[in-house]
Amino acid sequence: MTSPDDRAVSPVVGVMLMLVVTVIIAALVSAFAGGTASSQTKPYQATIQGEFSITQGLSISHSGGETLPTSQLVFTTYNGPTFGQGLKETTVQVLNMTGAIDPTPVDPDKRMLKHSNGWNVTSFAAGDTWVIPAADTNCDIFQPLVYPHDYTSELADDGYTYEGVKKGLWSLCFRNNDNIGKSFTLVVSDTKGNMISSTDVTIVP
């Protein structure tokens, strides 16, 4: 004969089993989520500053933070609001770093950061400054998406002043005396699209 106490055991055991299964599943989900989070690479953190001179070119300085692997860096610029509103989407472009140099080595052959097959310099560390010479900041080289198409044929004797008729496009070019005092934005990202640094750069003579 089964007593009332014996009949009560079965539901209790069932509830206990369900709790155990629930705890195991929760532990597995937590472990998986934790493993996924720890395997994700954190974006690099660094402070990058820029200076743009019409006569000297663009200097890009690493002012502090992590050492950055150059092979994973992307440098982008776009015209700031001092050039007009809503220009970011139409003027954003990736910089061609082939002409960039590290001015510190005595041997000029060791100054080039990049060549056609890759980077000569492997890292960008705090205290480092890279320079894109003035000649390589001409509008047709530095801003190929916006430069006037008659730019090269309408250059003045000074080597960069534009004398053509495409004044609207010329007004967007950084190496333009009329734009002294205006600023553009320099963004440094990694190749995965994570932003490392963004800074406004004022154009000076």
Protein backbone atom coordinates (compact mmCIF):
# COMPACT_ATOMS: atom_id res chain seq x y z
CA MET A 1 0.00 0.00 0.00
CA THR A 2 1.41 3.44 -1.01
CA SER A 3 1.32 6.17 1.56
CA PRO A 4 0.60 9.88 0.71
CA ASP A 5 4.21 10.68 1.60
CA ASP A 6 5.51 8.23 -1.05
CA ARG A 7 3.37 9.87 -3.76
CA ALA A 8 4.85 13.29 -2.94
CA VAL A 9 8.42 12.15 -3.64
CA SER A 10 8.03 11.93 -7.43
CA PRO A 11 7.12 15.63 -8.05
CA VAL A 12 9.92 16.78 -5.75
CA VAL A 13 12.52 14.69 -7.63
CA GLY A 14 11.21 16.03 -10.94
CA VAL A 15 11.54 19.63 -9.80
CA MET A 16 15.06 18.96 -8.51
CA LEU A 17 16.10 17.45 -11.84
CA MET A 18 14.71 20.44 -13.73
CA LEU A 19 16.64 22.83 -11.49
CA VAL A 20 19.87 20.89 -12.03
CA VAL A 21 19.40 20.92 -15.82
CA THR A 22 18.63 24.66 -15.75
CA VAL A 23 21.78 25.39 -13.72
CA ILE A 24 23.95 23.34 -16.11
CA ILE A 25 22.54 25.10 -19.18
CA ALA A 26 23.06 28.52 -17.56
CA ALA A 27 26.66 27.61 -16.73
CA LEU A 28 27.34 26.49 -20.32
CA VAL A 29 25.83 29.68 -21.78
CA SER A 30 27.83 31.84 -19.38
CA ALA A 31 31.07 30.03 -20.18
CA PHE A 32 30.48 30.37 -23.93
CA ALA A 33 29.63 34.06 -23.69
CA GLY A 34 32.66 34.73 -21.53
CA GLY A 35 34.94 32.92 -23.95
CA THR A 36 33.56 34.85 -26.89
CA ALA A 37 34.00 38.19 -25.12
CA SER A 38 37.56 37.44 -24.11
CA SER A 39 38.49 36.38 -27.65
CA GLN A 40 37.39 39.71 -29.15
CA THR A 41 40.25 42.13 -29.78
CA LYS A 42 40.00 45.45 -28.00
CA PRO A 43 40.43 48.51 -30.26
CA TYR A 44 43.78 50.24 -29.92
CA GLN A 45 43.85 53.36 -27.77
CA ALA A 46 46.15 56.23 -28.68
CA THR A 47 46.15 60.00 -29.09
CA ILE A 48 47.14 61.13 -32.57
CA GLN A 49 47.54 64.81 -33.46
CA GLY A 50 48.06 66.52 -36.79
CA GLU A 51 49.52 69.78 -38.07
CA PHE A 52 49.05 70.97 -41.64
CA SER A 53 51.22 73.67 -43.20
CA ILE A 54 50.87 74.75 -46.81
CA THR A 55 54.64 75.17 -47.03
CA GLN A 56 55.70 72.19 -44.90
CA GLY A 57 53.04 69.51 -45.37
CA LEU A 58 51.19 67.31 -42.88
CA SER A 59 52.78 66.13 -39.62
CA ILE A 60 51.10 63.24 -37.79
CA SER A 61 52.28 62.77 -34.20
CA HIS A 62 51.65 59.94 -31.75
CA SER A 63 51.17 61.83 -28.48
CA GLY A 64 50.48 58.92 -26.14
CA GLY A 65 48.84 55.55 -25.71
CA GLU A 66 49.48 52.15 -27.20
CA THR A 67 52.10 51.38 -29.85
CA LEU A 68 50.24 50.88 -33.11
CA PRO A 69 51.18 48.32 -35.79
CA THR A 70 51.50 50.30 -39.00
CA SER A 71 50.17 47.48 -41.17
CA GLN A 72 46.81 47.81 -39.40
CA LEU A 73 46.44 51.60 -39.64
CA VAL A 74 44.16 53.57 -41.94
CA PHE A 75 44.43 57.38 -42.10
CA THR A 76 41.36 59.25 -43.34
CA THR A 77 40.57 62.94 -43.81
CA TYR A 78 37.47 64.96 -44.57
CA ASN A 79 36.66 68.66 -44.78
CA GLY A 80 35.37 70.17 -41.54
CA PRO A 81 32.41 72.55 -41.12
CA THR A 82 34.66 75.60 -41.68
CA PHE A 83 34.60 74.60 -45.37
CA GLY A 84 30.81 74.39 -45.38
CA GLN A 85 28.07 72.16 -44.01
CA GLY A 86 27.47 68.54 -45.00
CA LEU A 87 30.82 67.93 -46.68
CA LYS A 88 31.96 64.89 -44.72
CA GLU A 89 30.28 62.30 -46.95
CA THR A 90 31.53 63.84 -50.20
CA THR A 91 35.10 64.64 -49.12
CA VAL A 92 36.10 61.68 -46.92
CA GLN A 93 39.05 59.77 -48.34
CA VAL A 94 41.85 57.45 -47.26
CA LEU A 95 45.30 59.02 -47.32
CA ASN A 96 47.96 57.61 -49.59
CA MET A 97 50.84 57.10 -47.14
CA THR A 98 53.39 56.11 -49.79
CA GLY A 99 55.02 59.56 -49.66
CA ALA A 100 55.11 59.72 -45.85
CA ILE A 101 58.48 59.81 -44.12
CA ASP A 102 59.99 59.44 -40.68
CA PRO A 103 62.22 62.54 -40.52
CA THR A 104 64.46 61.23 -37.71
CA PRO A 105 66.83 58.77 -39.47
CA VAL A 106 70.06 60.31 -40.75
CA ASP A 107 70.06 58.04 -43.78
CA PRO A 108 67.43 59.38 -46.23
CA ASP A 109 66.91 55.87 -47.62
CA LYS A 110 65.54 54.78 -44.24
CA ARG A 111 63.01 57.59 -43.95
CA MET A 112 60.31 56.22 -46.24
CA LEU A 113 57.50 54.65 -44.19
CA LYS A 114 55.96 52.71 -47.02
CA HIS A 115 56.79 51.39 -50.45
CA SER A 116 54.70 49.73 -53.13
CA ASN A 117 54.94 46.30 -51.46
CA GLY A 118 54.24 47.31 -47.85
CA TRP A 119 55.52 49.18 -44.82
CA ASN A 120 59.20 49.80 -44.05
CA VAL A 121 58.33 50.92 -40.51
CA THR A 122 56.48 48.34 -38.44
CA SER A 123 55.10 50.44 -35.58
CA PHE A 124 53.90 53.92 -34.64
CA ALA A 125 54.77 54.62 -30.99
CA ALA A 126 54.36 57.49 -28.54
CA GLY A 127 56.79 60.26 -29.45
CA ASP A 128 56.93 59.33 -33.15
CA THR A 129 56.08 61.91 -35.81
CA TRP A 130 55.47 61.10 -39.44
CA VAL A 131 55.48 63.73 -42.19
CA ILE A 132 53.85 63.91 -45.60
CA PRO A 133 55.95 66.53 -47.44
CA ALA A 134 54.21 69.59 -48.89
CA ALA A 135 54.61 68.44 -52.50
CA ASP A 136 52.67 65.26 -51.64
CA THR A 137 49.80 67.29 -50.17
CA ASN A 138 48.98 68.91 -53.51
CA CYS A 139 45.28 68.57 -54.18
CA ASP A 140 45.59 66.04 -57.02
CA ILE A 141 47.66 63.69 -54.83
CA PHE A 142 46.23 64.33 -51.37
CA GLN A 143 42.54 64.78 -52.26
CA PRO A 144 41.96 62.86 -55.48
CA LEU A 145 38.18 62.79 -54.96
CA VAL A 146 37.74 66.56 -55.03
CA TYR A 147 40.58 68.16 -56.99
CA PRO A 148 39.74 70.13 -60.17
CA HIS A 149 40.39 67.95 -63.20
CA ASP A 150 42.39 70.70 -64.89
CA TYR A 151 44.47 71.18 -61.74
CA THR A 152 47.80 69.95 -63.06
CA SER A 153 47.55 71.99 -66.26
CA GLU A 154 46.47 75.13 -64.38
CA LEU A 155 49.16 75.22 -61.71
CA ALA A 156 50.95 78.52 -61.19
CA ASP A 157 54.72 78.87 -61.09
CA ASP A 158 54.81 78.36 -57.32
CA GLY A 159 53.88 74.71 -57.90
CA TYR A 160 50.54 74.54 -56.18
CA THR A 161 48.38 77.63 -56.76
CA TYR A 162 45.47 76.83 -59.07
CA GLU A 163 44.56 79.25 -61.86
CA GLY A 164 41.71 77.32 -63.50
CA VAL A 165 37.98 77.87 -63.47
CA LYS A 166 36.83 75.04 -61.17
CA LYS A 167 36.79 77.32 -58.15
CA GLY A 168 34.19 75.28 -56.27
CA LEU A 169 36.41 72.21 -56.16
CA TRP A 170 39.53 74.28 -55.56
CA SER A 171 37.87 75.77 -52.48
CA LEU A 172 37.85 72.28 -50.91
CA CYS A 173 41.59 71.73 -51.32
CA PHE A 174 43.63 71.92 -48.12
CA ARG A 175 46.78 73.27 -49.78
CA ASN A 176 45.13 76.50 -50.76
CA ASN A 177 46.11 79.89 -49.30
CA ASP A 178 42.44 80.89 -49.24
CA ASN A 179 41.82 78.10 -46.70
CA ILE A 180 44.37 79.19 -44.09
CA GLY A 181 42.60 79.13 -40.73
CA LYS A 182 40.07 76.49 -41.80
CA SER A 183 40.29 72.95 -40.46
CA PHE A 184 39.80 69.38 -41.60
CA THR A 185 39.41 66.18 -39.59
CA LEU A 186 42.10 63.50 -39.43
CA VAL A 187 40.83 60.09 -38.35
CA VAL A 188 43.06 57.12 -37.53
CA SER A 189 41.38 53.71 -37.59
CA ASP A 190 42.43 50.10 -37.72
CA THR A 191 41.78 47.90 -40.74
CA LYS A 192 38.65 46.49 -39.02
CA GLY A 193 37.07 49.93 -38.94
CA ASN A 194 37.59 50.66 -35.24
CA MET A 195 38.40 54.32 -34.68
CA ILE A 196 41.61 54.95 -32.72
CA SER A 197 41.75 58.73 -32.81
CA SER A 198 40.05 61.75 -34.36
CA THR A 199 41.44 65.26 -34.36
CA ASP A 200 40.73 68.58 -36.09
CA VAL A 201 43.70 69.97 -38.00
CA THR A 202 43.96 73.70 -38.68
CA ILE A 203 45.57 74.81 -41.95
CA VAL A 204 48.47 77.23 -41.44
CA PRO A 205 50.81 78.96 -43.94
